[in-house]
């Protein structure tokens, strides 16, 4: 058995495990977004009591998680799509003569992974940008106060 045969057998399982990964990442994304909303509410209340350094350190917590998820979730979804397409074409090869129905069903299932990747990434990017801009504004205001 060659290396490509071994990889093919691994990939023929499809992209279902990728969907579970993306589901987990969506929970992480929502958790970080809600935690940051709560944290920024506290920061707003204590804004005048915090130093610029404390504001920066507390405000930047977990923003890297949102940035990483926003940047990489589409690629994870794309990986699931590629695995699904590999499986669809392999099924077509095995069931020769069955036509396009075999491929279309597999490809439509594979595209769910892409959609799920975008579903994770888009809120993460929006939240990252919103929190970063708010923090940047607060830091500029603090700089003008000093």
N, C-alpha and C. Protein backbone atom coordinates (compact mmCIF):
# COMPACT_ATOMS: atom_id res chain seq x y z
N UNK A 1 0.85 -1.18 0.00
CA UNK A 1 0.00 0.00 0.00
C UNK A 1 0.89 1.24 0.00
N UNK A 2 0.62 2.15 -0.93
CA UNK A 2 1.42 3.37 -1.04
C UNK A 2 0.92 4.42 -0.05
N UNK A 3 1.70 5.46 0.04
CA UNK A 3 1.32 6.56 0.93
C UNK A 3 0.02 7.20 0.44
N UNK A 4 -0.12 7.38 -0.88
CA UNK A 4 -1.35 8.00 -1.39
C UNK A 4 -2.56 7.11 -1.14
N UNK A 5 -2.39 5.78 -1.20
CA UNK A 5 -3.50 4.88 -0.87
C UNK A 5 -3.89 5.01 0.60
N UNK A 6 -2.89 5.13 1.45
CA UNK A 6 -3.17 5.28 2.88
C UNK A 6 -3.90 6.59 3.16
N UNK A 7 -3.45 7.67 2.52
CA UNK A 7 -4.11 8.96 2.70
C UNK A 7 -5.53 8.94 2.13
N UNK A 8 -5.69 8.27 0.99
CA UNK A 8 -7.02 8.17 0.39
C UNK A 8 -7.98 7.48 1.34
N UNK A 9 -7.55 6.40 1.97
CA UNK A 9 -8.41 5.70 2.91
C UNK A 9 -8.77 6.59 4.10
N UNK A 10 -7.82 7.38 4.54
CA UNK A 10 -8.07 8.32 5.64
C UNK A 10 -9.08 9.39 5.21
N UNK A 11 -8.90 9.93 4.01
CA UNK A 11 -9.75 11.01 3.53
C UNK A 11 -11.14 10.55 3.11
N UNK A 12 -11.29 9.28 2.79
CA UNK A 12 -12.60 8.80 2.36
C UNK A 12 -13.64 8.79 3.47
N UNK A 13 -13.18 8.99 4.67
CA UNK A 13 -14.12 9.11 5.78
C UNK A 13 -14.97 10.37 5.66
N UNK A 14 -14.55 11.26 4.75
CA UNK A 14 -15.30 12.49 4.56
C UNK A 14 -14.90 13.56 5.56
N UNK A 15 -15.60 14.66 5.51
CA UNK A 15 -15.26 15.81 6.34
C UNK A 15 -16.11 15.95 7.58
N UNK A 16 -16.76 14.87 8.01
CA UNK A 16 -17.62 14.98 9.20
C UNK A 16 -16.87 15.45 10.43
N UNK A 17 -15.64 14.96 10.60
CA UNK A 17 -14.89 15.36 11.80
C UNK A 17 -14.56 16.86 11.74
N UNK A 18 -14.43 17.40 10.54
CA UNK A 18 -14.18 18.83 10.38
C UNK A 18 -15.39 19.62 10.87
N UNK A 19 -16.58 19.12 10.61
CA UNK A 19 -17.78 19.80 11.09
C UNK A 19 -17.84 19.82 12.60
N UNK A 20 -17.40 18.74 13.23
CA UNK A 20 -17.37 18.72 14.70
C UNK A 20 -16.35 19.73 15.23
N UNK A 21 -15.22 19.83 14.56
CA UNK A 21 -14.21 20.82 14.96
C UNK A 21 -14.80 22.22 14.83
N UNK A 22 -15.45 22.49 13.70
CA UNK A 22 -16.03 23.82 13.49
C UNK A 22 -17.17 24.11 14.47
N UNK A 23 -17.92 23.10 14.82
CA UNK A 23 -18.97 23.28 15.82
C UNK A 23 -18.35 23.68 17.16
N UNK A 24 -17.28 23.00 17.54
CA UNK A 24 -16.57 23.36 18.76
C UNK A 24 -16.00 24.77 18.71
N UNK A 25 -15.44 25.15 17.55
CA UNK A 25 -14.89 26.49 17.40
C UNK A 25 -15.97 27.56 17.44
N UNK A 26 -17.18 27.21 16.97
CA UNK A 26 -18.28 28.18 17.05
C UNK A 26 -18.66 28.44 18.50
N UNK A 27 -18.62 27.40 19.32
CA UNK A 27 -18.90 27.57 20.75
C UNK A 27 -17.83 28.44 21.40
N UNK A 28 -16.57 28.20 21.04
CA UNK A 28 -15.47 29.01 21.57
C UNK A 28 -15.64 30.46 21.14
N UNK A 29 -15.97 30.68 19.87
CA UNK A 29 -16.16 32.04 19.35
C UNK A 29 -17.25 32.77 20.13
N UNK A 30 -18.39 32.13 20.28
CA UNK A 30 -19.48 32.77 21.02
C UNK A 30 -19.10 33.02 22.48
N UNK A 31 -18.40 32.07 23.07
CA UNK A 31 -17.96 32.25 24.46
C UNK A 31 -17.05 33.45 24.62
N UNK A 32 -16.08 33.59 23.71
CA UNK A 32 -15.16 34.72 23.78
C UNK A 32 -15.89 36.03 23.52
N UNK A 33 -16.80 36.03 22.55
CA UNK A 33 -17.55 37.25 22.25
C UNK A 33 -18.36 37.70 23.47
N UNK A 34 -19.07 36.79 24.10
CA UNK A 34 -19.87 37.16 25.28
C UNK A 34 -18.99 37.57 26.46
N UNK A 35 -17.86 36.89 26.63
CA UNK A 35 -16.95 37.26 27.71
C UNK A 35 -16.39 38.66 27.49
N UNK A 36 -16.02 38.97 26.24
CA UNK A 36 -15.47 40.29 25.92
C UNK A 36 -16.55 41.37 26.05
N UNK A 37 -17.78 41.07 25.68
CA UNK A 37 -18.86 42.04 25.88
C UNK A 37 -19.00 42.40 27.36
N UNK A 38 -18.96 41.38 28.20
CA UNK A 38 -19.03 41.60 29.64
C UNK A 38 -17.82 42.39 30.13
N UNK A 39 -16.64 42.01 29.66
CA UNK A 39 -15.40 42.69 30.07
C UNK A 39 -15.40 44.15 29.63
N UNK A 40 -15.85 44.42 28.42
CA UNK A 40 -15.87 45.80 27.94
C UNK A 40 -16.92 46.63 28.67
N UNK A 41 -17.98 46.00 29.13
CA UNK A 41 -18.97 46.69 29.96
C UNK A 41 -18.31 47.12 31.28
N UNK A 42 -17.54 46.20 31.86
CA UNK A 42 -16.82 46.54 33.10
C UNK A 42 -15.77 47.62 32.85
N UNK A 43 -15.08 47.52 31.72
CA UNK A 43 -14.07 48.53 31.39
C UNK A 43 -14.70 49.91 31.25
N UNK A 44 -15.85 49.97 30.62
CA UNK A 44 -16.54 51.25 30.44
C UNK A 44 -16.89 51.87 31.79
N UNK A 45 -17.34 51.03 32.72
CA UNK A 45 -17.71 51.54 34.06
C UNK A 45 -16.49 52.02 34.84
N UNK A 46 -15.37 51.36 34.66
CA UNK A 46 -14.16 51.66 35.43
C UNK A 46 -13.14 52.45 34.62
N UNK A 47 -13.54 52.99 33.49
CA UNK A 47 -12.62 53.65 32.57
C UNK A 47 -11.76 54.71 33.26
N UNK A 48 -12.38 55.55 34.05
CA UNK A 48 -11.64 56.65 34.68
C UNK A 48 -10.69 56.16 35.77
N UNK A 49 -10.90 54.97 36.30
CA UNK A 49 -10.06 54.44 37.37
C UNK A 49 -8.85 53.67 36.86
N UNK A 50 -8.87 53.30 35.59
CA UNK A 50 -7.81 52.44 35.04
C UNK A 50 -6.72 53.27 34.38
N UNK A 51 -5.49 52.79 34.55
CA UNK A 51 -4.39 53.42 33.84
C UNK A 51 -4.45 53.00 32.37
N UNK A 52 -3.71 53.69 31.54
CA UNK A 52 -3.67 53.36 30.11
C UNK A 52 -3.14 51.93 29.92
N UNK A 53 -2.15 51.57 30.72
CA UNK A 53 -1.55 50.23 30.65
C UNK A 53 -2.57 49.15 31.01
N UNK A 54 -3.30 49.37 32.12
CA UNK A 54 -4.31 48.39 32.56
C UNK A 54 -5.45 48.28 31.54
N UNK A 55 -5.84 49.41 30.99
CA UNK A 55 -6.89 49.43 29.97
C UNK A 55 -6.46 48.59 28.76
N UNK A 56 -5.23 48.79 28.35
CA UNK A 56 -4.70 48.05 27.20
C UNK A 56 -4.59 46.55 27.49
N UNK A 57 -4.02 46.21 28.63
CA UNK A 57 -3.83 44.78 28.98
C UNK A 57 -5.17 44.07 29.15
N UNK A 58 -6.09 44.68 29.84
CA UNK A 58 -7.38 44.05 30.09
C UNK A 58 -8.23 44.02 28.81
N UNK A 59 -8.14 45.07 28.01
CA UNK A 59 -8.93 45.14 26.80
C UNK A 59 -8.48 44.19 25.71
N UNK A 60 -7.18 43.90 25.65
CA UNK A 60 -6.66 43.04 24.58
C UNK A 60 -6.80 41.54 24.87
N UNK A 61 -7.17 41.19 26.09
CA UNK A 61 -7.31 39.77 26.41
C UNK A 61 -8.24 39.07 25.44
N UNK A 62 -7.83 37.92 24.98
CA UNK A 62 -8.60 37.01 24.11
C UNK A 62 -8.97 37.57 22.74
N UNK A 63 -8.51 38.76 22.41
CA UNK A 63 -8.77 39.26 21.06
C UNK A 63 -7.99 38.46 20.02
N UNK A 64 -6.85 37.93 20.43
CA UNK A 64 -6.06 37.08 19.53
C UNK A 64 -6.83 35.81 19.17
N UNK A 65 -7.61 35.31 20.11
CA UNK A 65 -8.43 34.12 19.82
C UNK A 65 -9.43 34.44 18.72
N UNK A 66 -10.09 35.58 18.82
CA UNK A 66 -11.06 35.98 17.79
C UNK A 66 -10.37 36.18 16.44
N UNK A 67 -9.21 36.80 16.45
CA UNK A 67 -8.48 37.03 15.20
C UNK A 67 -8.06 35.71 14.57
N UNK A 68 -7.57 34.79 15.38
CA UNK A 68 -7.13 33.49 14.87
C UNK A 68 -8.30 32.70 14.30
N UNK A 69 -9.41 32.68 15.01
CA UNK A 69 -10.58 31.96 14.51
C UNK A 69 -11.13 32.61 13.24
N UNK A 70 -11.16 33.92 13.21
CA UNK A 70 -11.65 34.62 12.04
C UNK A 70 -10.80 34.37 10.81
N UNK A 71 -9.50 34.23 11.02
CA UNK A 71 -8.60 34.00 9.90
C UNK A 71 -8.56 32.54 9.45
N UNK A 72 -8.72 31.61 10.37
CA UNK A 72 -8.48 30.21 10.04
C UNK A 72 -9.72 29.35 9.86
N UNK A 73 -10.84 29.74 10.40
CA UNK A 73 -12.06 28.92 10.27
C UNK A 73 -12.45 28.67 8.80
N UNK A 74 -12.32 29.67 7.91
CA UNK A 74 -12.65 29.36 6.51
C UNK A 74 -11.75 28.29 5.91
N UNK A 75 -10.49 28.27 6.31
CA UNK A 75 -9.58 27.25 5.80
C UNK A 75 -9.93 25.87 6.33
N UNK A 76 -10.37 25.81 7.57
CA UNK A 76 -10.80 24.53 8.13
C UNK A 76 -12.04 24.05 7.39
N UNK A 77 -12.96 24.97 7.11
CA UNK A 77 -14.14 24.62 6.32
C UNK A 77 -13.77 24.17 4.92
N UNK A 78 -12.82 24.85 4.31
CA UNK A 78 -12.36 24.46 2.98
C UNK A 78 -11.74 23.07 3.00
N UNK A 79 -11.02 22.75 4.05
CA UNK A 79 -10.44 21.41 4.19
C UNK A 79 -11.55 20.36 4.21
N UNK A 80 -12.61 20.63 4.94
CA UNK A 80 -13.76 19.71 4.96
C UNK A 80 -14.39 19.57 3.59
N UNK A 81 -14.45 20.67 2.85
CA UNK A 81 -15.01 20.64 1.50
C UNK A 81 -14.14 19.79 0.58
N UNK A 82 -12.85 19.97 0.66
CA UNK A 82 -11.93 19.17 -0.17
C UNK A 82 -12.07 17.68 0.15
N UNK A 83 -12.17 17.36 1.44
CA UNK A 83 -12.35 15.95 1.81
C UNK A 83 -13.66 15.41 1.24
N UNK A 84 -14.72 16.20 1.29
CA UNK A 84 -16.01 15.77 0.75
C UNK A 84 -15.96 15.58 -0.76
N UNK A 85 -15.25 16.45 -1.45
CA UNK A 85 -15.13 16.33 -2.91
C UNK A 85 -14.31 15.10 -3.27
N UNK A 86 -13.25 14.84 -2.51
CA UNK A 86 -12.47 13.61 -2.74
C UNK A 86 -13.36 12.40 -2.60
N UNK A 87 -14.16 12.38 -1.55
CA UNK A 87 -15.07 11.26 -1.33
C UNK A 87 -16.11 11.15 -2.45
N UNK A 88 -16.64 12.28 -2.91
CA UNK A 88 -17.65 12.27 -3.97
C UNK A 88 -17.07 11.69 -5.26
N UNK A 89 -15.89 12.12 -5.62
CA UNK A 89 -15.29 11.60 -6.85
C UNK A 89 -14.88 10.14 -6.71
N UNK A 90 -14.46 9.75 -5.52
CA UNK A 90 -14.15 8.33 -5.30
C UNK A 90 -15.41 7.48 -5.42
N UNK A 91 -16.51 7.97 -4.87
CA UNK A 91 -17.78 7.26 -5.00
C UNK A 91 -18.20 7.14 -6.46
N UNK A 92 -17.96 8.18 -7.25
CA UNK A 92 -18.27 8.14 -8.67
C UNK A 92 -17.41 7.09 -9.37
N UNK A 93 -16.15 7.02 -8.98
CA UNK A 93 -15.24 6.04 -9.56
C UNK A 93 -15.68 4.61 -9.23
N UNK A 94 -16.07 4.41 -7.98
CA UNK A 94 -16.48 3.07 -7.54
C UNK A 94 -17.81 2.67 -8.18
N UNK A 95 -18.72 3.62 -8.28
CA UNK A 95 -20.06 3.33 -8.82
C UNK A 95 -20.16 3.85 -10.26
N UNK A 96 -19.27 3.43 -11.09
CA UNK A 96 -19.25 3.89 -12.49
C UNK A 96 -20.59 3.66 -13.16
N UNK A 97 -20.98 4.63 -13.95
CA UNK A 97 -22.23 4.52 -14.66
C UNK A 97 -23.41 5.08 -13.88
N UNK A 98 -23.20 5.42 -12.61
CA UNK A 98 -24.32 5.94 -11.83
C UNK A 98 -24.53 7.42 -12.07
N UNK A 99 -23.58 8.08 -12.65
CA UNK A 99 -23.75 9.45 -13.11
C UNK A 99 -23.55 10.53 -12.08
N UNK A 100 -24.11 11.65 -12.44
CA UNK A 100 -23.86 12.88 -11.69
C UNK A 100 -24.53 12.90 -10.31
N UNK A 101 -25.57 12.10 -10.12
CA UNK A 101 -26.28 12.10 -8.83
C UNK A 101 -25.34 11.74 -7.68
N UNK A 102 -24.42 10.82 -7.93
CA UNK A 102 -23.49 10.41 -6.88
C UNK A 102 -22.58 11.57 -6.50
N UNK A 103 -22.10 12.30 -7.50
CA UNK A 103 -21.18 13.40 -7.24
C UNK A 103 -21.91 14.59 -6.61
N UNK A 104 -23.07 14.93 -7.11
CA UNK A 104 -23.77 16.11 -6.62
C UNK A 104 -24.17 15.99 -5.16
N UNK A 105 -24.62 14.82 -4.74
CA UNK A 105 -24.97 14.63 -3.34
C UNK A 105 -23.76 14.82 -2.44
N UNK A 106 -22.64 14.25 -2.85
CA UNK A 106 -21.41 14.38 -2.05
C UNK A 106 -20.89 15.80 -2.01
N UNK A 107 -20.96 16.48 -3.14
CA UNK A 107 -20.47 17.86 -3.18
C UNK A 107 -21.36 18.78 -2.35
N UNK A 108 -22.65 18.58 -2.41
CA UNK A 108 -23.54 19.43 -1.60
C UNK A 108 -23.27 19.23 -0.12
N UNK A 109 -23.01 18.00 0.28
CA UNK A 109 -22.64 17.75 1.69
C UNK A 109 -21.31 18.39 2.01
N UNK A 110 -20.38 18.35 1.06
CA UNK A 110 -19.06 18.92 1.30
C UNK A 110 -19.12 20.43 1.49
N UNK A 111 -20.00 21.09 0.76
CA UNK A 111 -20.10 22.55 0.85
C UNK A 111 -20.63 23.03 2.20
N UNK A 112 -21.26 22.15 2.92
CA UNK A 112 -21.72 22.49 4.27
C UNK A 112 -20.52 22.88 5.14
N UNK A 113 -19.38 22.22 4.92
CA UNK A 113 -18.18 22.54 5.69
C UNK A 113 -17.70 23.97 5.41
N UNK A 114 -17.77 24.38 4.15
CA UNK A 114 -17.39 25.75 3.81
C UNK A 114 -18.32 26.75 4.48
N UNK A 115 -19.61 26.48 4.41
CA UNK A 115 -20.59 27.37 5.04
C UNK A 115 -20.35 27.45 6.55
N UNK A 116 -20.08 26.32 7.16
CA UNK A 116 -19.84 26.30 8.61
C UNK A 116 -18.58 27.09 8.96
N UNK A 117 -17.54 26.96 8.13
CA UNK A 117 -16.32 27.74 8.36
C UNK A 117 -16.58 29.23 8.32
N UNK A 118 -17.39 29.66 7.36
CA UNK A 118 -17.74 31.07 7.27
C UNK A 118 -18.62 31.51 8.43
N UNK A 119 -19.50 30.61 8.86
CA UNK A 119 -20.38 30.91 9.99
C UNK A 119 -19.59 31.13 11.27
N UNK A 120 -18.46 30.48 11.40
CA UNK A 120 -17.59 30.70 12.55
C UNK A 120 -16.77 31.98 12.37
N UNK A 121 -16.24 32.17 11.16
CA UNK A 121 -15.30 33.26 10.91
C UNK A 121 -15.93 34.64 10.94
N UNK A 122 -17.08 34.79 10.32
CA UNK A 122 -17.67 36.13 10.17
C UNK A 122 -17.96 36.80 11.51
N UNK A 123 -18.65 36.14 12.45
CA UNK A 123 -18.85 36.81 13.75
C UNK A 123 -17.54 37.07 14.49
N UNK A 124 -16.57 36.18 14.34
CA UNK A 124 -15.28 36.39 15.01
C UNK A 124 -14.58 37.64 14.48
N UNK A 125 -14.61 37.84 13.17
CA UNK A 125 -13.97 39.01 12.57
C UNK A 125 -14.72 40.29 12.94
N UNK A 126 -16.05 40.24 12.89
CA UNK A 126 -16.84 41.41 13.27
C UNK A 126 -16.56 41.80 14.72
N UNK A 127 -16.58 40.81 15.61
CA UNK A 127 -16.33 41.10 17.04
C UNK A 127 -14.91 41.61 17.26
N UNK A 128 -13.93 40.99 16.61
CA UNK A 128 -12.55 41.44 16.75
C UNK A 128 -12.42 42.90 16.34
N UNK A 129 -12.98 43.23 15.18
CA UNK A 129 -12.88 44.61 14.70
C UNK A 129 -13.59 45.59 15.63
N UNK A 130 -14.75 45.21 16.12
CA UNK A 130 -15.51 46.10 17.02
C UNK A 130 -14.75 46.32 18.33
N UNK A 131 -14.26 45.24 18.93
CA UNK A 131 -13.54 45.37 20.20
C UNK A 131 -12.23 46.13 20.02
N UNK A 132 -11.52 45.85 18.94
CA UNK A 132 -10.25 46.54 18.69
C UNK A 132 -10.46 48.03 18.48
N UNK A 133 -11.49 48.39 17.72
CA UNK A 133 -11.78 49.80 17.47
C UNK A 133 -12.19 50.51 18.75
N UNK A 134 -13.02 49.87 19.56
CA UNK A 134 -13.43 50.46 20.83
C UNK A 134 -12.22 50.69 21.73
N UNK A 135 -11.36 49.68 21.83
CA UNK A 135 -10.17 49.81 22.66
C UNK A 135 -9.25 50.91 22.13
N UNK A 136 -9.08 50.97 20.84
CA UNK A 136 -8.25 52.00 20.23
C UNK A 136 -8.80 53.39 20.54
N UNK A 137 -10.10 53.55 20.46
CA UNK A 137 -10.74 54.83 20.76
C UNK A 137 -10.52 55.21 22.22
N UNK A 138 -10.71 54.26 23.12
CA UNK A 138 -10.50 54.53 24.55
C UNK A 138 -9.05 54.93 24.83
N UNK A 139 -8.12 54.27 24.18
CA UNK A 139 -6.71 54.59 24.40
C UNK A 139 -6.37 55.98 23.87
N UNK A 140 -6.96 56.36 22.74
CA UNK A 140 -6.74 57.72 22.23
C UNK A 140 -7.35 58.76 23.14
N UNK A 141 -8.53 58.48 23.66
CA UNK A 141 -9.16 59.40 24.61
C UNK A 141 -8.32 59.53 25.88
N UNK A 142 -7.80 58.41 26.34
CA UNK A 142 -6.97 58.41 27.55
C UNK A 142 -5.69 59.22 27.31
N UNK A 143 -5.13 59.09 26.12
CA UNK A 143 -3.92 59.83 25.78
C UNK A 143 -4.20 61.34 25.77
N UNK A 144 -5.35 61.72 25.29
CA UNK A 144 -5.73 63.14 25.26
C UNK A 144 -6.01 63.68 26.66
N UNK A 145 -6.45 62.79 27.58
CA UNK A 145 -6.73 63.20 28.95
C UNK A 145 -5.45 63.50 29.71
N UNK A 146 -4.37 62.85 29.31
CA UNK A 146 -3.10 62.99 30.08
C UNK A 146 -2.31 64.18 29.67
